[in-house]
């Protein structure tokens, strides 16, 4: 009780020193059933601004900046034609292509270097690969300087979609209620 009265007096003195005592009604005495928090209105204002900030929703999601490029692929058995289209002027461009999940590159241009590119420019990259009969991925990384910053973009394209991934264990395949493939393993 004494603490609340002392805090109330300090707040009133601070308000008087700032010259704002006429803008605010006086606080009712603590014995009248009110409390400092309810009387002053300040914590309520803080609560309402906090609540407003929470209601506004989370701030914009931040994404990792990537190079302004769009990569498309035309996949054929044993070969891929990649088309890299630049969305901004850039310099010191490097395009690297590699295989993932068992995909072995047999030939083609990788890495490709370009001293500079213009907005809208397209660079074609052709690669030959040996995918076997398993599902694997062809990955591409485009890096360079755009708008004065080093940026890169990595993208992959799946080869032999729907085939059994390399290293998958033998067993019965089923689909769960959500349509996801499930491997049923049988003990011996």
C-alpha atoms as a PDB file:
ATOM      1  CA  UNK A   1       0.000   0.000   0.000  1.00  0.00           C
ATOM      2  CA  UNK A   2       2.713   2.460   0.946  1.00  0.00           C
ATOM      3  CA  UNK A   3       4.637   1.569  -2.212  1.00  0.00           C
ATOM      4  CA  UNK A   4       1.644   2.331  -4.454  1.00  0.00           C
ATOM      5  CA  UNK A   5       1.083   5.672  -2.705  1.00  0.00           C
ATOM      6  CA  UNK A   6       4.747   6.641  -3.099  1.00  0.00           C
ATOM      7  CA  UNK A   7       4.779   5.632  -6.761  1.00  0.00           C
ATOM      8  CA  UNK A   8       1.577   7.613  -7.313  1.00  0.00           C
ATOM      9  CA  UNK A   9       3.085  10.689  -5.747  1.00  0.00           C
ATOM     10  CA  UNK A  10       6.236  10.371  -7.874  1.00  0.00           C
ATOM     11  CA  UNK A  11       4.146  10.153 -11.030  1.00  0.00           C
ATOM     12  CA  UNK A  12       2.045  13.165 -10.036  1.00  0.00           C
ATOM     13  CA  UNK A  13       5.173  15.183  -9.226  1.00  0.00           C
ATOM     14  CA  UNK A  14       6.745  14.204 -12.550  1.00  0.00           C
ATOM     15  CA  UNK A  15       3.565  15.189 -14.395  1.00  0.00           C
ATOM     16  CA  UNK A  16       3.472  18.499 -12.579  1.00  0.00           C
ATOM     17  CA  UNK A  17       7.125  19.155 -13.419  1.00  0.00           C
ATOM     18  CA  UNK A  18       6.394  18.531 -17.090  1.00  0.00           C
ATOM     19  CA  UNK A  19       3.389  20.832 -16.992  1.00  0.00           C
ATOM     20  CA  UNK A  20       0.927  18.141 -18.024  1.00  0.00           C
ATOM     21  CA  UNK A  21      -1.089  17.964 -14.832  1.00  0.00           C
ATOM     22  CA  UNK A  22      -3.941  19.980 -16.382  1.00  0.00           C
ATOM     23  CA  UNK A  23      -4.243  17.564 -19.296  1.00  0.00           C
ATOM     24  CA  UNK A  24      -4.987  14.618 -17.074  1.00  0.00           C
ATOM     25  CA  UNK A  25      -7.626  14.154 -14.366  1.00  0.00           C
ATOM     26  CA  UNK A  26      -6.259  13.591 -10.875  1.00  0.00           C
ATOM     27  CA  UNK A  27      -5.866   9.999  -9.761  1.00  0.00           C
ATOM     28  CA  UNK A  28      -8.470   8.729  -7.305  1.00  0.00           C
ATOM     29  CA  UNK A  29      -7.115   7.800  -3.914  1.00  0.00           C
ATOM     30  CA  UNK A  30      -5.987   4.204  -3.496  1.00  0.00           C
ATOM     31  CA  UNK A  31      -8.448   3.723  -0.651  1.00  0.00           C
ATOM     32  CA  UNK A  32     -11.330   4.425  -3.063  1.00  0.00           C
ATOM     33  CA  UNK A  33     -10.818   1.018  -4.591  1.00  0.00           C
ATOM     34  CA  UNK A  34      -8.762   2.163  -7.529  1.00  0.00           C
ATOM     35  CA  UNK A  35      -5.187   1.275  -8.128  1.00  0.00           C
ATOM     36  CA  UNK A  36      -2.355   3.301  -9.538  1.00  0.00           C
ATOM     37  CA  UNK A  37      -2.416   1.367 -12.783  1.00  0.00           C
ATOM     38  CA  UNK A  38      -6.156   1.825 -13.277  1.00  0.00           C
ATOM     39  CA  UNK A  39      -6.108   5.480 -12.259  1.00  0.00           C
ATOM     40  CA  UNK A  40      -3.196   6.827 -14.236  1.00  0.00           C
ATOM     41  CA  UNK A  41      -4.178   5.341 -17.565  1.00  0.00           C
ATOM     42  CA  UNK A  42      -0.561   5.105 -18.648  1.00  0.00           C
ATOM     43  CA  UNK A  43      -0.139   1.346 -18.462  1.00  0.00           C
ATOM     44  CA  UNK A  44      -3.410   1.004 -20.337  1.00  0.00           C
ATOM     45  CA  UNK A  45      -2.045   3.176 -23.100  1.00  0.00           C
ATOM     46  CA  UNK A  46       1.066   1.018 -23.214  1.00  0.00           C
ATOM     47  CA  UNK A  47      -1.083  -2.101 -23.225  1.00  0.00           C
ATOM     48  CA  UNK A  48      -3.245  -0.803 -26.050  1.00  0.00           C
ATOM     49  CA  UNK A  49      -0.234   0.150 -28.176  1.00  0.00           C
ATOM     50  CA  UNK A  50       1.309  -3.258 -27.510  1.00  0.00           C
ATOM     51  CA  UNK A  51      -1.971  -4.956 -28.378  1.00  0.00           C
ATOM     52  CA  UNK A  52      -2.213  -2.874 -31.556  1.00  0.00           C
ATOM     53  CA  UNK A  53       1.283  -3.949 -32.548  1.00  0.00           C
ATOM     54  CA  UNK A  54       0.396  -7.597 -31.934  1.00  0.00           C
ATOM     55  CA  UNK A  55      -2.860  -7.284 -33.895  1.00  0.00           C
ATOM     56  CA  UNK A  56      -1.003  -5.772 -36.828  1.00  0.00           C
ATOM     57  CA  UNK A  57       0.572  -9.186 -37.371  1.00  0.00           C
ATOM     58  CA  UNK A  58       4.170 -10.213 -37.784  1.00  0.00           C
ATOM     59  CA  UNK A  59       6.489  -7.996 -39.719  1.00  0.00           C
ATOM     60  CA  UNK A  60       7.231  -8.779 -43.336  1.00  0.00           C
ATOM     61  CA  UNK A  61       9.109 -12.071 -43.646  1.00  0.00           C
ATOM     62  CA  UNK A  62      12.708 -11.600 -44.566  1.00  0.00           C
ATOM     63  CA  UNK A  63      14.080 -13.689 -47.360  1.00  0.00           C
ATOM     64  CA  UNK A  64      17.687 -14.368 -48.082  1.00  0.00           C
ATOM     65  CA  UNK A  65      18.587 -12.152 -51.005  1.00  0.00           C
ATOM     66  CA  UNK A  66      19.423 -14.146 -54.093  1.00  0.00           C
ATOM     67  CA  UNK A  67      20.779 -13.255 -57.482  1.00  0.00           C
ATOM     68  CA  UNK A  68      18.143 -11.772 -59.812  1.00  0.00           C
ATOM     69  CA  UNK A  69      18.077 -14.678 -62.240  1.00  0.00           C
ATOM     70  CA  UNK A  70      15.454 -17.079 -63.549  1.00  0.00           C
ATOM     71  CA  UNK A  71      16.623 -20.566 -64.534  1.00  0.00           C
ATOM     72  CA  UNK A  72      14.567 -22.945 -66.664  1.00  0.00           C
ATOM     73  CA  UNK A  73      15.568 -26.402 -67.845  1.00  0.00           C
ATOM     74  CA  UNK A  74      14.643 -28.567 -70.790  1.00  0.00           C
ATOM     75  CA  UNK A  75      15.403 -32.128 -69.690  1.00  0.00           C
ATOM     76  CA  UNK A  76      15.995 -34.922 -72.193  1.00  0.00           C
ATOM     77  CA  UNK A  77      17.312 -38.426 -71.600  1.00  0.00           C
ATOM     78  CA  UNK A  78      21.002 -37.946 -70.868  1.00  0.00           C
ATOM     79  CA  UNK A  79      21.058 -34.173 -71.471  1.00  0.00           C
ATOM     80  CA  UNK A  80      19.716 -30.890 -70.160  1.00  0.00           C
ATOM     81  CA  UNK A  81      19.532 -27.454 -71.751  1.00  0.00           C
ATOM     82  CA  UNK A  82      19.512 -24.745 -69.086  1.00  0.00           C
ATOM     83  CA  UNK A  83      18.413 -21.195 -69.857  1.00  0.00           C
ATOM     84  CA  UNK A  84      19.614 -18.546 -67.370  1.00  0.00           C
ATOM     85  CA  UNK A  85      17.803 -15.203 -67.779  1.00  0.00           C
ATOM     86  CA  UNK A  86      19.176 -12.238 -65.829  1.00  0.00           C
ATOM     87  CA  UNK A  87      16.804  -9.782 -64.142  1.00  0.00           C
ATOM     88  CA  UNK A  88      19.452  -7.091 -63.601  1.00  0.00           C
ATOM     89  CA  UNK A  89      22.809  -5.959 -64.932  1.00  0.00           C
ATOM     90  CA  UNK A  90      25.649  -7.938 -63.363  1.00  0.00           C
ATOM     91  CA  UNK A  91      29.375  -8.562 -63.463  1.00  0.00           C
ATOM     92  CA  UNK A  92      31.799 -11.400 -62.653  1.00  0.00           C
ATOM     93  CA  UNK A  93      29.121 -14.010 -63.386  1.00  0.00           C
ATOM     94  CA  UNK A  94      29.858 -17.692 -62.763  1.00  0.00           C
ATOM     95  CA  UNK A  95      27.441 -20.516 -63.618  1.00  0.00           C
ATOM     96  CA  UNK A  96      28.232 -23.915 -62.086  1.00  0.00           C
ATOM     97  CA  UNK A  97      26.335 -27.170 -62.720  1.00  0.00           C
ATOM     98  CA  UNK A  98      26.721 -30.461 -60.801  1.00  0.00           C
ATOM     99  CA  UNK A  99      24.903 -33.704 -60.108  1.00  0.00           C
ATOM    100  CA  UNK A 100      23.242 -34.657 -56.814  1.00  0.00           C
ATOM    101  CA  UNK A 101      21.902 -37.998 -55.516  1.00  0.00           C
ATOM    102  CA  UNK A 102      23.932 -40.125 -57.921  1.00  0.00           C
ATOM    103  CA  UNK A 103      23.682 -37.970 -61.061  1.00  0.00           C
ATOM    104  CA  UNK A 104      27.037 -37.989 -62.880  1.00  0.00           C
ATOM    105  CA  UNK A 105      27.862 -35.263 -65.384  1.00  0.00           C
ATOM    106  CA  UNK A 106      29.532 -36.571 -68.547  1.00  0.00           C
ATOM    107  CA  UNK A 107      30.198 -33.319 -70.308  1.00  0.00           C
ATOM    108  CA  UNK A 108      29.075 -29.850 -71.106  1.00  0.00           C
ATOM    109  CA  UNK A 109      30.120 -26.395 -70.146  1.00  0.00           C
ATOM    110  CA  UNK A 110      30.630 -25.980 -66.418  1.00  0.00           C
ATOM    111  CA  UNK A 111      31.589 -23.607 -65.009  1.00  0.00           C
ATOM    112  CA  UNK A 112      30.601 -20.842 -67.410  1.00  0.00           C
ATOM    113  CA  UNK A 113      32.050 -17.388 -66.797  1.00  0.00           C
ATOM    114  CA  UNK A 114      30.704 -14.118 -68.133  1.00  0.00           C
ATOM    115  CA  UNK A 115      32.501 -10.833 -67.412  1.00  0.00           C
ATOM    116  CA  UNK A 116      29.200  -8.936 -67.497  1.00  0.00           C
ATOM    117  CA  UNK A 117      25.517  -9.428 -68.330  1.00  0.00           C
ATOM    118  CA  UNK A 118      22.629  -7.050 -69.067  1.00  0.00           C
ATOM    119  CA  UNK A 119      19.090  -7.042 -67.712  1.00  0.00           C
ATOM    120  CA  UNK A 120      17.039  -9.508 -69.804  1.00  0.00           C
ATOM    121  CA  UNK A 121      20.104 -11.270 -71.243  1.00  0.00           C
ATOM    122  CA  UNK A 122      19.888 -15.052 -71.587  1.00  0.00           C
ATOM    123  CA  UNK A 123      22.803 -17.472 -71.235  1.00  0.00           C
ATOM    124  CA  UNK A 124      22.367 -21.060 -72.449  1.00  0.00           C
ATOM    125  CA  UNK A 125      24.179 -23.925 -70.724  1.00  0.00           C
ATOM    126  CA  UNK A 126      24.018 -27.510 -72.022  1.00  0.00           C
ATOM    127  CA  UNK A 127      25.146 -30.516 -69.993  1.00  0.00           C
ATOM    128  CA  UNK A 128      25.300 -34.261 -70.575  1.00  0.00           C
ATOM    129  CA  UNK A 129      24.659 -36.635 -67.697  1.00  0.00           C
ATOM    130  CA  UNK A 130      24.245 -40.263 -66.716  1.00  0.00           C
ATOM    131  CA  UNK A 131      21.335 -40.612 -64.315  1.00  0.00           C
ATOM    132  CA  UNK A 132      20.880 -44.351 -64.394  1.00  0.00           C
ATOM    133  CA  UNK A 133      17.399 -45.534 -63.442  1.00  0.00           C
ATOM    134  CA  UNK A 134      17.189 -43.688 -60.119  1.00  0.00           C
ATOM    135  CA  UNK A 135      15.704 -40.321 -59.226  1.00  0.00           C
ATOM    136  CA  UNK A 136      18.451 -37.711 -58.930  1.00  0.00           C
ATOM    137  CA  UNK A 137      18.941 -33.954 -59.261  1.00  0.00           C
ATOM    138  CA  UNK A 138      20.782 -31.558 -61.526  1.00  0.00           C
ATOM    139  CA  UNK A 139      21.866 -28.492 -59.539  1.00  0.00           C
ATOM    140  CA  UNK A 140      22.885 -25.077 -60.857  1.00  0.00           C
ATOM    141  CA  UNK A 141      24.449 -22.131 -59.023  1.00  0.00           C
ATOM    142  CA  UNK A 142      24.568 -18.658 -60.566  1.00  0.00           C
ATOM    143  CA  UNK A 143      26.719 -16.106 -58.726  1.00  0.00           C
ATOM    144  CA  UNK A 144      27.990 -12.623 -59.439  1.00  0.00           C
ATOM    145  CA  UNK A 145      27.778  -8.958 -58.501  1.00  0.00           C
ATOM    146  CA  UNK A 146      24.345  -7.345 -58.859  1.00  0.00           C
ATOM    147  CA  UNK A 147      23.519  -3.823 -57.667  1.00  0.00           C
ATOM    148  CA  UNK A 148      26.991  -3.652 -56.087  1.00  0.00           C
ATOM    149  CA  UNK A 149      26.488  -6.789 -53.951  1.00  0.00           C
ATOM    150  CA  UNK A 150      27.749 -10.341 -54.301  1.00  0.00           C
ATOM    151  CA  UNK A 151      24.697 -12.559 -54.751  1.00  0.00           C
ATOM    152  CA  UNK A 152      24.013 -16.158 -55.747  1.00  0.00           C
ATOM    153  CA  UNK A 153      21.057 -18.378 -56.567  1.00  0.00           C
ATOM    154  CA  UNK A 154      21.004 -22.174 -56.380  1.00  0.00           C
ATOM    155  CA  UNK A 155      18.288 -24.238 -58.029  1.00  0.00           C
ATOM    156  CA  UNK A 156      17.863 -27.927 -58.831  1.00  0.00           C
ATOM    157  CA  UNK A 157      15.889 -29.982 -61.319  1.00  0.00           C
ATOM    158  CA  UNK A 158      14.789 -33.552 -60.643  1.00  0.00           C
ATOM    159  CA  UNK A 159      15.775 -36.214 -63.181  1.00  0.00           C
ATOM    160  CA  UNK A 160      13.754 -39.476 -63.509  1.00  0.00           C
ATOM    161  CA  UNK A 161      10.844 -38.167 -61.437  1.00  0.00           C
ATOM    162  CA  UNK A 162       8.904 -40.971 -59.773  1.00  0.00           C
ATOM    163  CA  UNK A 163      11.757 -43.467 -59.908  1.00  0.00           C
ATOM    164  CA  UNK A 164      13.037 -44.981 -56.725  1.00  0.00           C
ATOM    165  CA  UNK A 165      15.620 -42.613 -55.191  1.00  0.00           C
ATOM    166  CA  UNK A 166      19.182 -43.893 -55.021  1.00  0.00           C
ATOM    167  CA  UNK A 167      19.840 -45.753 -51.784  1.00  0.00           C
ATOM    168  CA  UNK A 168      16.176 -46.456 -51.058  1.00  0.00           C
ATOM    169  CA  UNK A 169      15.651 -49.629 -49.126  1.00  0.00           C
ATOM    170  CA  UNK A 170      13.698 -52.481 -50.616  1.00  0.00           C
ATOM    171  CA  UNK A 171      10.217 -52.894 -49.265  1.00  0.00           C
ATOM    172  CA  UNK A 172       6.573 -52.413 -50.120  1.00  0.00           C
ATOM    173  CA  UNK A 173       5.523 -48.893 -51.133  1.00  0.00           C
ATOM    174  CA  UNK A 174       2.160 -47.515 -50.070  1.00  0.00           C
ATOM    175  CA  UNK A 175       0.556 -44.100 -49.937  1.00  0.00           C
ATOM    176  CA  UNK A 176      -0.681 -42.581 -46.659  1.00  0.00           C
ATOM    177  CA  UNK A 177      -3.974 -40.678 -46.223  1.00  0.00           C
ATOM    178  CA  UNK A 178      -2.306 -37.428 -47.361  1.00  0.00           C
ATOM    179  CA  UNK A 179      -0.949 -38.986 -50.559  1.00  0.00           C
ATOM    180  CA  UNK A 180       2.658 -39.187 -49.396  1.00  0.00           C
ATOM    181  CA  UNK A 181       4.664 -42.305 -50.299  1.00  0.00           C
ATOM    182  CA  UNK A 182       5.389 -44.578 -47.340  1.00  0.00           C
ATOM    183  CA  UNK A 183       7.857 -47.476 -47.407  1.00  0.00           C
ATOM    184  CA  UNK A 184       6.643 -50.531 -45.479  1.00  0.00           C
ATOM    185  CA  UNK A 185       9.576 -52.514 -44.119  1.00  0.00           C
ATOM    186  CA  UNK A 186       9.086 -56.174 -43.291  1.00  0.00           C
ATOM    187  CA  UNK A 187      11.100 -57.952 -40.625  1.00  0.00           C
ATOM    188  CA  UNK A 188      12.405 -61.416 -41.225  1.00  0.00           C
END
